[in-house]
Amino acid sequence: EALRKNNETIDIQKHFGFLPEWSIVGPFDNKDEKGFAVAYGPELDVNASKDPDLQAEYDGQSGKVRWQPITTTDDYGMIDIAKQIENYKGSSMYAVTTWTSNKDQQVEIRLGTPNSWKLWINGQLVFEREEYHRSSKLDQYRVPVSLKAGKNTLMFKICQNEMTQDWAQRYQFQIRICDSTGSAILPSNPFRSSTMRPTLLFTILAIFSATQCIAADWRQFRGNAANSVATGESLPTELSGDTIAWKAALPGRGLSGPIVVGEQVFV
């Protein structure tokens, strides 16, 4: 806090390797704690060796549900489900994100949650724990996994039971990727989540190279294929000077993912 008050940039999320950007869908039924063992739509996809379809619509606990983007600015990467869905009791949610590796490598997925959960990496169930409200802490669980070179898909299932006590209302998780010593391992894609964090001054960047090569449209959250990859050649890897075409100050906090169509930017 002292450093921030003196205008120093402190990126705790990046320092620890937290994953702050996800797509979530739900709630699905977990009444009487039965939903932990039930494979709902996203789980059926991974069981069939497919990536979850982020354009899909499913039958949820109280009607149709679709994938929605969620981003946390919490220093310690906490994704608070309760703030997104009014903390439905007796429900299950799924969360998906991708992580790009520059090589095949062994890493640790470290996570904390007070809820029951399952974790899939590239369609393979790597760990599960059916226990509710045991408390939660940083690096509560450590799961060694193998990541492949290129895009890796992480899917997380989190379940909330029907307990009514004040201490049983948390519905949240935090996940980071690190080595066996706890040092963060960062993804190889240049525009990682923490650099896209919203601020009061939301800078919208028109992506031009020195040769004025224009990238393709960016039509949805995380890009056209939802994989955080922009097509085009000679795209800048640093934002300064001629690579910033213009910027605009917007009021308040911004949690949106801007899209670009032609020469128009929608926030």
Protein backbone atom coordinates (compact mmCIF):
# COMPACT_ATOMS: atom_id res chain seq x y z
CA GLU A 1 0.00 0.00 0.00
CA ALA A 2 2.84 2.41 0.74
CA LEU A 3 4.37 1.77 -2.66
CA ARG A 4 1.04 2.28 -4.39
CA LYS A 5 0.52 5.56 -2.55
CA ASN A 6 3.83 6.65 -4.08
CA ASN A 7 2.62 5.73 -7.59
CA GLU A 8 4.61 2.51 -7.87
CA THR A 9 3.02 -0.22 -9.99
CA ILE A 10 2.49 -3.32 -7.86
CA ASP A 11 1.13 -6.40 -9.66
CA ILE A 12 0.56 -9.05 -7.00
CA GLN A 13 -1.55 -11.15 -9.36
CA LYS A 14 1.36 -11.44 -11.79
CA HIS A 15 3.89 -11.97 -8.99
CA PHE A 16 2.02 -15.06 -7.77
CA GLY A 17 0.72 -16.22 -11.18
CA PHE A 18 -3.00 -15.95 -10.41
CA LEU A 19 -5.57 -16.52 -13.16
CA PRO A 20 -7.96 -13.53 -13.00
CA GLU A 21 -9.99 -13.97 -16.21
CA TRP A 22 -12.57 -16.75 -16.63
CA SER A 23 -15.82 -17.59 -18.36
CA ILE A 24 -18.47 -18.93 -15.96
CA VAL A 25 -21.81 -20.66 -16.47
CA GLY A 26 -24.56 -21.71 -14.08
CA PRO A 27 -26.04 -22.17 -11.60
CA PHE A 28 -26.82 -25.88 -11.96
CA ASP A 29 -28.66 -27.93 -9.35
CA ASN A 30 -26.79 -29.12 -6.26
CA LYS A 31 -29.74 -29.56 -3.91
CA ASP A 32 -29.04 -32.23 -1.28
CA GLU A 33 -25.43 -32.06 -2.51
CA LYS A 34 -26.26 -34.31 -5.46
CA GLY A 35 -24.80 -32.07 -8.17
CA PHE A 36 -21.16 -32.88 -7.39
CA ALA A 37 -21.55 -36.27 -9.06
CA VAL A 38 -23.82 -35.08 -11.89
CA ALA A 39 -22.21 -34.24 -15.23
CA TYR A 40 -23.96 -31.15 -16.56
CA GLY A 41 -23.45 -29.71 -20.07
CA PRO A 42 -19.87 -28.39 -19.77
CA GLU A 43 -18.77 -31.58 -18.02
CA LEU A 44 -20.39 -33.70 -20.75
CA ASP A 45 -18.28 -31.76 -23.26
CA VAL A 46 -14.98 -32.55 -21.53
CA ASN A 47 -16.05 -36.15 -20.93
CA ALA A 48 -16.46 -36.39 -24.70
CA SER A 49 -12.89 -35.00 -25.13
CA LYS A 50 -14.13 -31.64 -26.37
CA ASP A 51 -13.39 -28.15 -25.14
CA PRO A 52 -16.42 -26.51 -23.54
CA ASP A 53 -18.48 -24.62 -26.12
CA LEU A 54 -18.49 -21.02 -24.84
CA GLN A 55 -21.40 -20.21 -27.18
CA ALA A 56 -23.58 -22.99 -25.77
CA GLU A 57 -26.79 -22.61 -23.76
CA TYR A 58 -27.70 -25.10 -21.03
CA ASP A 59 -30.64 -25.95 -18.79
CA GLY A 60 -29.66 -24.48 -15.44
CA GLN A 61 -31.07 -24.56 -11.94
CA SER A 62 -33.64 -21.85 -12.62
CA GLY A 63 -33.77 -21.57 -16.42
CA LYS A 64 -31.45 -21.32 -19.40
CA VAL A 65 -27.85 -20.31 -18.68
CA ARG A 66 -25.00 -19.15 -20.92
CA TRP A 67 -21.30 -18.53 -20.44
CA GLN A 68 -20.42 -15.10 -19.08
CA PRO A 69 -16.98 -13.46 -18.71
CA ILE A 70 -15.75 -12.65 -15.23
CA THR A 71 -12.58 -10.79 -14.26
CA THR A 72 -11.26 -10.13 -10.78
CA THR A 73 -9.09 -7.20 -9.77
CA ASP A 74 -8.48 -8.73 -6.34
CA ASP A 75 -4.74 -8.81 -5.62
CA TYR A 76 -4.94 -12.50 -4.76
CA GLY A 77 -7.03 -13.55 -7.74
CA MET A 78 -10.23 -14.36 -5.82
CA ILE A 79 -13.17 -15.15 -8.10
CA ASP A 80 -16.29 -14.42 -6.01
CA ILE A 81 -19.17 -16.47 -7.45
CA ALA A 82 -21.57 -15.25 -4.75
CA LYS A 83 -21.35 -11.68 -6.06
CA GLN A 84 -22.21 -12.84 -9.58
CA ILE A 85 -25.26 -15.04 -8.96
CA GLU A 86 -26.67 -13.83 -5.62
CA ASN A 87 -25.16 -16.87 -3.89
CA TYR A 88 -27.69 -19.50 -4.94
CA LYS A 89 -27.76 -22.14 -2.22
CA GLY A 90 -27.50 -25.74 -3.38
CA SER A 91 -25.93 -24.91 -6.73
CA SER A 92 -22.95 -25.74 -8.95
CA MET A 93 -21.00 -23.52 -11.32
CA TYR A 94 -18.40 -24.16 -14.02
CA ALA A 95 -15.49 -21.83 -14.86
CA VAL A 96 -13.18 -22.08 -17.87
CA THR A 97 -9.98 -20.30 -18.86
CA THR A 98 -7.01 -20.94 -21.14
CA TRP A 99 -3.29 -20.73 -20.44
CA THR A 100 -0.65 -20.72 -23.17
CA SER A 101 2.64 -22.52 -22.56
CA ASN A 102 5.79 -22.05 -24.64
CA LYS A 103 6.76 -25.71 -24.07
CA ASP A 104 5.69 -29.02 -22.55
CA GLN A 105 6.23 -28.60 -18.83
CA GLN A 106 5.38 -29.77 -15.33
CA VAL A 107 3.68 -27.16 -13.15
CA GLU A 108 1.62 -26.98 -9.99
CA ILE A 109 -1.96 -25.75 -9.97
CA ARG A 110 -2.45 -24.23 -6.52
CA LEU A 111 -5.92 -23.23 -5.42
CA GLY A 112 -7.98 -22.20 -2.45
CA THR A 113 -11.75 -22.57 -1.98
CA PRO A 114 -14.15 -23.32 0.87
CA ASN A 115 -16.41 -25.26 -1.51
CA SER A 116 -16.47 -28.69 -3.15
CA TRP A 117 -14.66 -28.73 -6.47
CA LYS A 118 -13.33 -30.61 -9.50
CA LEU A 119 -10.51 -29.58 -11.85
CA TRP A 120 -9.92 -30.62 -15.45
CA ILE A 121 -6.79 -29.86 -17.50
CA ASN A 122 -7.20 -30.31 -21.27
CA GLY A 123 -10.22 -32.53 -20.71
CA GLN A 124 -8.64 -34.74 -18.06
CA LEU A 125 -9.99 -34.74 -14.50
CA VAL A 126 -6.88 -34.18 -12.38
CA PHE A 127 -8.34 -33.75 -8.88
CA GLU A 128 -11.61 -33.46 -7.00
CA ARG A 129 -12.64 -32.90 -3.39
CA GLU A 130 -16.17 -33.14 -2.01
CA GLU A 131 -15.97 -31.16 1.22
CA TYR A 132 -17.90 -28.04 2.14
CA HIS A 133 -16.82 -25.02 4.21
CA ARG A 134 -13.61 -26.43 5.61
CA SER A 135 -12.31 -22.87 5.44
CA SER A 136 -9.93 -21.60 2.78
CA LYS A 137 -6.41 -20.25 2.43
CA LEU A 138 -3.77 -19.45 -0.16
CA ASP A 139 -2.32 -22.63 -1.75
CA GLN A 140 -4.80 -24.76 0.16
CA TYR A 141 -4.51 -27.48 -2.50
CA ARG A 142 -1.50 -28.31 -4.68
CA VAL A 143 -2.07 -30.34 -7.84
CA PRO A 144 0.95 -31.32 -10.02
CA VAL A 145 -0.03 -31.38 -13.71
CA SER A 146 1.56 -31.61 -17.14
CA LEU A 147 0.92 -28.77 -19.56
CA LYS A 148 1.47 -29.05 -23.29
CA ALA A 149 3.08 -26.53 -25.58
CA GLY A 150 0.42 -24.12 -26.83
CA LYS A 151 -3.06 -23.54 -25.47
CA ASN A 152 -4.17 -25.42 -22.36
CA THR A 153 -7.79 -25.40 -21.19
CA LEU A 154 -8.60 -25.37 -17.47
CA MET A 155 -12.15 -26.12 -16.33
CA PHE A 156 -13.18 -25.78 -12.68
CA LYS A 157 -16.43 -26.99 -11.10
CA ILE A 158 -17.42 -25.45 -7.78
CA CYS A 159 -20.37 -26.55 -5.64
CA GLN A 160 -22.26 -24.71 -2.88
CA ASN A 161 -24.45 -26.59 -0.40
CA GLU A 162 -27.56 -25.38 1.47
CA MET A 163 -26.10 -24.52 4.88
CA THR A 164 -27.49 -21.24 6.25
CA GLN A 165 -24.85 -20.27 8.83
CA ASP A 166 -23.01 -17.00 8.24
CA TRP A 167 -19.68 -18.81 7.90
CA ALA A 168 -21.11 -21.09 5.18
CA GLN A 169 -21.95 -18.40 2.63
CA ARG A 170 -18.62 -18.03 0.81
CA TYR A 171 -18.78 -19.21 -2.80
CA GLN A 172 -15.37 -18.42 -4.28
CA PHE A 173 -12.03 -19.71 -5.53
CA GLN A 174 -8.52 -18.57 -6.42
CA ILE A 175 -6.18 -20.46 -8.76
CA ARG A 176 -2.55 -19.83 -9.69
CA ILE A 177 0.11 -21.62 -11.72
CA CYS A 178 3.62 -22.00 -10.32
CA ASP A 179 6.59 -24.35 -9.97
CA SER A 180 7.19 -26.70 -7.05
CA THR A 181 8.80 -23.88 -5.02
CA GLY A 182 5.75 -21.63 -5.40
CA SER A 183 7.35 -19.23 -7.90
CA ALA A 184 4.89 -18.06 -10.55
CA ILE A 185 5.04 -19.45 -14.07
CA LEU A 186 3.52 -16.95 -16.50
CA PRO A 187 1.78 -17.76 -19.78
CA SER A 188 3.63 -17.13 -23.01
CA ASN A 189 0.85 -15.16 -24.71
CA PRO A 190 1.88 -11.48 -24.72
CA PHE A 191 -1.45 -9.98 -23.67
CA ARG A 192 -1.86 -11.85 -20.36
CA SER A 193 -4.79 -11.17 -18.08
CA SER A 194 -3.14 -8.88 -15.56
CA THR A 195 -2.10 -6.41 -18.26
CA MET A 196 -5.77 -6.06 -19.28
CA ARG A 197 -6.93 -4.96 -15.85
CA PRO A 198 -9.56 -2.15 -15.97
CA THR A 199 -8.64 1.28 -14.58
CA LEU A 200 -10.36 4.63 -14.25
CA LEU A 201 -8.55 5.75 -17.36
CA PHE A 202 -9.46 3.00 -19.83
CA THR A 203 -6.98 3.18 -22.67
CA ILE A 204 -8.26 1.76 -25.92
CA LEU A 205 -5.46 0.78 -28.21
CA ALA A 206 -5.76 0.64 -31.98
CA ILE A 207 -3.27 -2.04 -32.96
CA PHE A 208 -0.97 -0.75 -35.67
CA SER A 209 2.52 -1.86 -36.50
CA ALA A 210 5.24 0.41 -37.83
CA THR A 211 4.01 -0.57 -41.31
CA GLN A 212 0.38 0.22 -40.34
CA CYS A 213 -0.74 -3.42 -40.59
CA ILE A 214 -4.25 -3.53 -39.04
CA ALA A 215 -5.36 -6.55 -37.00
CA ALA A 216 -8.63 -8.32 -37.71
CA ASP A 217 -11.86 -7.49 -35.91
CA TRP A 218 -12.02 -8.42 -32.21
CA ARG A 219 -15.69 -9.40 -31.94
CA GLN A 220 -16.06 -10.88 -28.46
CA PHE A 221 -14.44 -11.32 -25.05
CA ARG A 222 -10.92 -12.77 -25.53
CA GLY A 223 -11.18 -12.42 -29.31
CA ASN A 224 -13.04 -14.08 -32.18
CA ALA A 225 -12.13 -17.62 -31.13
CA ALA A 226 -12.13 -16.83 -27.38
CA ASN A 227 -8.44 -17.81 -27.26
CA SER A 228 -6.79 -14.38 -26.72
CA VAL A 229 -5.07 -14.55 -30.12
CA ALA A 230 -5.14 -11.60 -32.52
CA THR A 231 -4.57 -12.41 -36.19
CA GLY A 232 -2.29 -10.19 -38.24
CA GLU A 233 1.38 -9.67 -38.90
CA SER A 234 3.97 -7.44 -37.24
CA LEU A 235 1.77 -6.67 -34.26
CA PRO A 236 3.49 -4.64 -31.51
CA THR A 237 4.54 -6.40 -28.33
CA GLU A 238 5.04 -3.14 -26.42
CA LEU A 239 2.65 -0.21 -26.24
CA SER A 240 4.36 3.14 -26.64
CA GLY A 241 4.85 5.91 -29.12
CA ASP A 242 3.32 5.19 -32.52
CA THR A 243 1.62 1.99 -31.35
CA ILE A 244 -0.92 4.06 -29.38
CA ALA A 245 -3.22 5.68 -31.92
CA TRP A 246 -5.57 7.34 -29.43
CA LYS A 247 -7.04 7.01 -25.95
CA ALA A 248 -10.16 8.14 -24.12
CA ALA A 249 -11.02 8.60 -20.45
CA LEU A 250 -14.20 6.79 -19.36
CA PRO A 251 -16.10 7.42 -16.10
CA GLY A 252 -15.98 4.93 -13.22
CA ARG A 253 -14.69 1.37 -13.17
CA GLY A 254 -14.72 -0.70 -16.33
CA LEU A 255 -15.24 -4.48 -16.26
CA SER A 256 -16.12 -4.87 -19.92
CA GLY A 257 -14.15 -6.49 -22.71
CA PRO A 258 -14.13 -3.96 -25.59
CA ILE A 259 -14.81 -5.24 -29.09
CA VAL A 260 -13.56 -3.82 -32.38
CA VAL A 261 -15.50 -3.99 -35.64
CA GLY A 262 -13.98 -2.18 -38.57
CA GLU A 263 -13.00 1.25 -37.27
CA GLN A 264 -15.46 1.22 -34.35
CA VAL A 265 -14.73 0.34 -30.72
CA PHE A 266 -17.59 -0.71 -28.44
CA VAL A 267 -17.15 -0.68 -24.65
